[in-house]
Amino acid sequence: MDSFTRNYSVVLGLIVLALIVIGVRSSWQPGINSMNAILEDDPVVSNYPYQFRVVSFSDGVATMLTPRSFDIPAYRFLQVIYPNLNGLREDDPKMIAAQKALVDAQKRSMDVIEALPEVESVHWVLDVRWLADHGIANPTPF
């Protein structure tokens, strides 16, 4: 092997190694993993069809995903996780009960995370990926 090929291989190997280290460090978040494990251990949160989870934690603020927002009516999400609600009006008692269950599960997940000593507050972000994966279009801001 000539010196150029050897040097090129060494530099390329170091670049690949550096990218792997950066990738592992950015995805390795034991605090978030332990928070999500606590959510999975809670019977109210874990029995709900949508899994609320923490996606980031910084300066005492836990950022959690939610399937609901002011832009996307809750009934659209609820019809996906509860197909028996398809075709029901928003004021149907079954739809109202499903909305209450959603609120209860989301509130419980927030309470569980906020009870942790290192967490000062919870910030919610829309789970755009989950919604898109289930055929619910995310409205684009103007």
C-alpha atoms as a PDB file:
ATOM      1  CA  MET A   1       0.000   0.000   0.000  1.00  0.00           C
ATOM      2  CA  ASP A   2       1.479   3.364  -0.956  1.00  0.00           C
ATOM      3  CA  SER A   3       1.638   6.220   1.537  1.00  0.00           C
ATOM      4  CA  PHE A   4      -1.232   8.191  -0.048  1.00  0.00           C
ATOM      5  CA  THR A   5      -3.638   5.242   0.204  1.00  0.00           C
ATOM      6  CA  ARG A   6      -2.542   4.533   3.770  1.00  0.00           C
ATOM      7  CA  ASN A   7      -2.925   8.179   4.851  1.00  0.00           C
ATOM      8  CA  TYR A   8      -6.272   8.443   3.043  1.00  0.00           C
ATOM      9  CA  SER A   9      -7.516   5.292   4.790  1.00  0.00           C
ATOM     10  CA  VAL A  10      -6.388   6.539   8.209  1.00  0.00           C
ATOM     11  CA  VAL A  11      -8.039   9.956   7.753  1.00  0.00           C
ATOM     12  CA  LEU A  12     -11.226   8.383   6.420  1.00  0.00           C
ATOM     13  CA  GLY A  13     -11.277   5.946   9.344  1.00  0.00           C
ATOM     14  CA  LEU A  14     -10.847   8.789  11.848  1.00  0.00           C
ATOM     15  CA  ILE A  15     -13.696  10.742  10.246  1.00  0.00           C
ATOM     16  CA  VAL A  16     -16.004   7.726  10.395  1.00  0.00           C
ATOM     17  CA  LEU A  17     -15.013   7.072  14.011  1.00  0.00           C
ATOM     18  CA  ALA A  18     -15.654  10.722  14.935  1.00  0.00           C
ATOM     19  CA  LEU A  19     -19.111  10.601  13.319  1.00  0.00           C
ATOM     20  CA  ILE A  20     -19.966   7.425  15.223  1.00  0.00           C
ATOM     21  CA  VAL A  21     -18.868   8.985  18.526  1.00  0.00           C
ATOM     22  CA  ILE A  22     -20.914  12.130  17.821  1.00  0.00           C
ATOM     23  CA  GLY A  23     -23.957  10.033  16.931  1.00  0.00           C
ATOM     24  CA  VAL A  24     -23.719   7.914  20.060  1.00  0.00           C
ATOM     25  CA  ARG A  25     -23.205  10.934  22.330  1.00  0.00           C
ATOM     26  CA  SER A  26     -26.148  12.826  20.840  1.00  0.00           C
ATOM     27  CA  SER A  27     -28.548   9.888  21.118  1.00  0.00           C
ATOM     28  CA  TRP A  28     -27.392   8.635  24.512  1.00  0.00           C
ATOM     29  CA  GLN A  29     -29.577  10.407  27.039  1.00  0.00           C
ATOM     30  CA  PRO A  30     -29.966   8.250  30.132  1.00  0.00           C
ATOM     31  CA  GLY A  31     -32.066  10.883  31.904  1.00  0.00           C
ATOM     32  CA  ILE A  32     -34.662  10.854  29.154  1.00  0.00           C
ATOM     33  CA  ASN A  33     -34.616   7.072  28.978  1.00  0.00           C
ATOM     34  CA  SER A  34     -35.232   6.796  32.719  1.00  0.00           C
ATOM     35  CA  MET A  35     -38.074   9.345  32.530  1.00  0.00           C
ATOM     36  CA  ASN A  36     -39.716   7.342  29.750  1.00  0.00           C
ATOM     37  CA  ALA A  37     -39.263   4.148  31.774  1.00  0.00           C
ATOM     38  CA  ILE A  38     -41.083   5.809  34.675  1.00  0.00           C
ATOM     39  CA  LEU A  39     -43.929   6.736  32.312  1.00  0.00           C
ATOM     40  CA  GLU A  40     -44.070   3.139  31.065  1.00  0.00           C
ATOM     41  CA  ASP A  41     -44.342   1.909  34.664  1.00  0.00           C
ATOM     42  CA  ASP A  42     -47.339   4.140  35.411  1.00  0.00           C
ATOM     43  CA  PRO A  43     -50.567   2.149  34.855  1.00  0.00           C
ATOM     44  CA  VAL A  44     -52.672   5.121  33.695  1.00  0.00           C
ATOM     45  CA  VAL A  45     -50.099   6.359  31.189  1.00  0.00           C
ATOM     46  CA  SER A  46     -48.987   2.953  29.906  1.00  0.00           C
ATOM     47  CA  ASN A  47     -52.548   1.693  29.364  1.00  0.00           C
ATOM     48  CA  TYR A  48     -53.464   4.627  27.131  1.00  0.00           C
ATOM     49  CA  PRO A  49     -53.216   3.781  23.384  1.00  0.00           C
ATOM     50  CA  TYR A  50     -50.888   6.736  22.658  1.00  0.00           C
ATOM     51  CA  GLN A  51     -47.579   6.628  24.513  1.00  0.00           C
ATOM     52  CA  PHE A  52     -46.689  10.038  25.912  1.00  0.00           C
ATOM     53  CA  ARG A  53     -42.925  10.357  26.155  1.00  0.00           C
ATOM     54  CA  VAL A  54     -40.113  12.756  26.952  1.00  0.00           C
ATOM     55  CA  VAL A  55     -37.959  13.721  23.962  1.00  0.00           C
ATOM     56  CA  SER A  56     -35.566  16.184  25.574  1.00  0.00           C
ATOM     57  CA  PHE A  57     -34.555  17.560  28.943  1.00  0.00           C
ATOM     58  CA  SER A  58     -32.637  20.763  29.541  1.00  0.00           C
ATOM     59  CA  ASP A  59     -32.404  23.244  32.420  1.00  0.00           C
ATOM     60  CA  GLY A  60     -35.199  21.575  34.374  1.00  0.00           C
ATOM     61  CA  VAL A  61     -37.624  21.558  31.436  1.00  0.00           C
ATOM     62  CA  ALA A  62     -38.818  18.212  30.098  1.00  0.00           C
ATOM     63  CA  THR A  63     -40.158  18.394  26.547  1.00  0.00           C
ATOM     64  CA  MET A  64     -42.890  15.858  25.896  1.00  0.00           C
ATOM     65  CA  LEU A  65     -44.779  14.825  22.777  1.00  0.00           C
ATOM     66  CA  THR A  66     -48.535  15.218  22.480  1.00  0.00           C
ATOM     67  CA  PRO A  67     -50.949  14.244  19.694  1.00  0.00           C
ATOM     68  CA  ARG A  68     -53.197  17.253  20.199  1.00  0.00           C
ATOM     69  CA  SER A  69     -52.996  20.968  19.553  1.00  0.00           C
ATOM     70  CA  PHE A  70     -55.269  23.906  18.832  1.00  0.00           C
ATOM     71  CA  ASP A  71     -54.674  23.372  15.100  1.00  0.00           C
ATOM     72  CA  ILE A  72     -55.681  19.700  15.022  1.00  0.00           C
ATOM     73  CA  PRO A  73     -59.007  18.790  16.632  1.00  0.00           C
ATOM     74  CA  ALA A  74     -58.748  16.009  19.202  1.00  0.00           C
ATOM     75  CA  TYR A  75     -61.497  14.007  17.514  1.00  0.00           C
ATOM     76  CA  ARG A  76     -59.248  13.401  14.471  1.00  0.00           C
ATOM     77  CA  PHE A  77     -56.619  11.788  16.686  1.00  0.00           C
ATOM     78  CA  LEU A  78     -59.222   9.918  18.724  1.00  0.00           C
ATOM     79  CA  GLN A  79     -60.779   8.365  15.605  1.00  0.00           C
ATOM     80  CA  VAL A  80     -57.393   6.828  14.816  1.00  0.00           C
ATOM     81  CA  ILE A  81     -56.776   5.245  18.209  1.00  0.00           C
ATOM     82  CA  TYR A  82     -60.450   4.360  18.712  1.00  0.00           C
ATOM     83  CA  PRO A  83     -61.834   3.320  15.291  1.00  0.00           C
ATOM     84  CA  ASN A  84     -65.291   2.801  16.825  1.00  0.00           C
ATOM     85  CA  LEU A  85     -65.525   6.615  17.100  1.00  0.00           C
ATOM     86  CA  ASN A  86     -65.393   7.102  13.313  1.00  0.00           C
ATOM     87  CA  GLY A  87     -68.410   9.026  12.101  1.00  0.00           C
ATOM     88  CA  LEU A  88     -69.435  10.253  15.550  1.00  0.00           C
ATOM     89  CA  ARG A  89     -69.979  13.940  16.180  1.00  0.00           C
ATOM     90  CA  GLU A  90     -67.747  15.849  18.573  1.00  0.00           C
ATOM     91  CA  ASP A  91     -70.597  16.170  21.072  1.00  0.00           C
ATOM     92  CA  ASP A  92     -71.394  12.449  21.125  1.00  0.00           C
ATOM     93  CA  PRO A  93     -71.065  11.054  24.682  1.00  0.00           C
ATOM     94  CA  LYS A  94     -68.556   8.421  23.496  1.00  0.00           C
ATOM     95  CA  MET A  95     -66.402  11.113  21.871  1.00  0.00           C
ATOM     96  CA  ILE A  96     -66.606  13.272  24.989  1.00  0.00           C
ATOM     97  CA  ALA A  97     -65.565  10.304  27.150  1.00  0.00           C
ATOM     98  CA  ALA A  98     -62.623   9.611  24.808  1.00  0.00           C
ATOM     99  CA  GLN A  99     -61.554  13.268  24.998  1.00  0.00           C
ATOM    100  CA  LYS A 100     -61.691  13.107  28.791  1.00  0.00           C
ATOM    101  CA  ALA A 101     -59.552   9.945  28.773  1.00  0.00           C
ATOM    102  CA  LEU A 102     -57.010  11.730  26.539  1.00  0.00           C
ATOM    103  CA  VAL A 103     -56.876  14.729  28.867  1.00  0.00           C
ATOM    104  CA  ASP A 104     -56.572  12.458  31.913  1.00  0.00           C
ATOM    105  CA  ALA A 105     -53.703  10.451  30.369  1.00  0.00           C
ATOM    106  CA  GLN A 106     -51.846  13.573  29.248  1.00  0.00           C
ATOM    107  CA  LYS A 107     -52.317  15.255  32.631  1.00  0.00           C
ATOM    108  CA  ARG A 108     -51.171  12.107  34.434  1.00  0.00           C
ATOM    109  CA  SER A 109     -48.034  11.853  32.270  1.00  0.00           C
ATOM    110  CA  MET A 110     -47.227  15.490  33.024  1.00  0.00           C
ATOM    111  CA  ASP A 111     -47.798  14.961  36.757  1.00  0.00           C
ATOM    112  CA  VAL A 112     -45.527  11.886  36.770  1.00  0.00           C
ATOM    113  CA  ILE A 113     -42.674  13.768  35.093  1.00  0.00           C
ATOM    114  CA  GLU A 114     -43.130  16.966  37.120  1.00  0.00           C
ATOM    115  CA  ALA A 115     -42.945  14.886  40.320  1.00  0.00           C
ATOM    116  CA  LEU A 116     -39.308  14.081  39.540  1.00  0.00           C
ATOM    117  CA  PRO A 117     -36.944  16.263  41.591  1.00  0.00           C
ATOM    118  CA  GLU A 118     -34.874  17.379  38.601  1.00  0.00           C
ATOM    119  CA  VAL A 119     -37.917  18.533  36.598  1.00  0.00           C
ATOM    120  CA  GLU A 120     -39.258  22.051  37.078  1.00  0.00           C
ATOM    121  CA  SER A 121     -41.780  22.082  34.236  1.00  0.00           C
ATOM    122  CA  VAL A 122     -43.055  20.280  31.160  1.00  0.00           C
ATOM    123  CA  HIS A 123     -43.178  21.770  27.679  1.00  0.00           C
ATOM    124  CA  TRP A 124     -45.443  20.115  25.105  1.00  0.00           C
ATOM    125  CA  VAL A 125     -44.668  19.755  21.395  1.00  0.00           C
ATOM    126  CA  LEU A 126     -46.913  18.274  18.755  1.00  0.00           C
ATOM    127  CA  ASP A 127     -46.003  14.722  17.723  1.00  0.00           C
ATOM    128  CA  VAL A 128     -45.991  15.520  14.018  1.00  0.00           C
ATOM    129  CA  ARG A 129     -44.359  12.223  13.065  1.00  0.00           C
ATOM    130  CA  TRP A 130     -47.017  10.108  14.822  1.00  0.00           C
ATOM    131  CA  LEU A 131     -49.811  12.156  13.276  1.00  0.00           C
ATOM    132  CA  ALA A 132     -48.295  11.905   9.790  1.00  0.00           C
ATOM    133  CA  ASP A 133     -47.707   8.160  10.197  1.00  0.00           C
ATOM    134  CA  HIS A 134     -51.421   7.799  10.958  1.00  0.00           C
ATOM    135  CA  GLY A 135     -52.679   9.944   8.079  1.00  0.00           C
ATOM    136  CA  ILE A 136     -53.345  13.150   9.981  1.00  0.00           C
ATOM    137  CA  ALA A 137     -51.909  16.118   8.124  1.00  0.00           C
ATOM    138  CA  ASN A 138     -50.160  18.773  10.165  1.00  0.00           C
ATOM    139  CA  PRO A 139     -51.397  22.254   9.304  1.00  0.00           C
ATOM    140  CA  THR A 140     -48.640  24.513   8.044  1.00  0.00           C
ATOM    141  CA  PRO A 141     -48.354  27.962   9.620  1.00  0.00           C
ATOM    142  CA  PHE A 142     -48.967  30.985   7.424  1.00  0.00           C
END
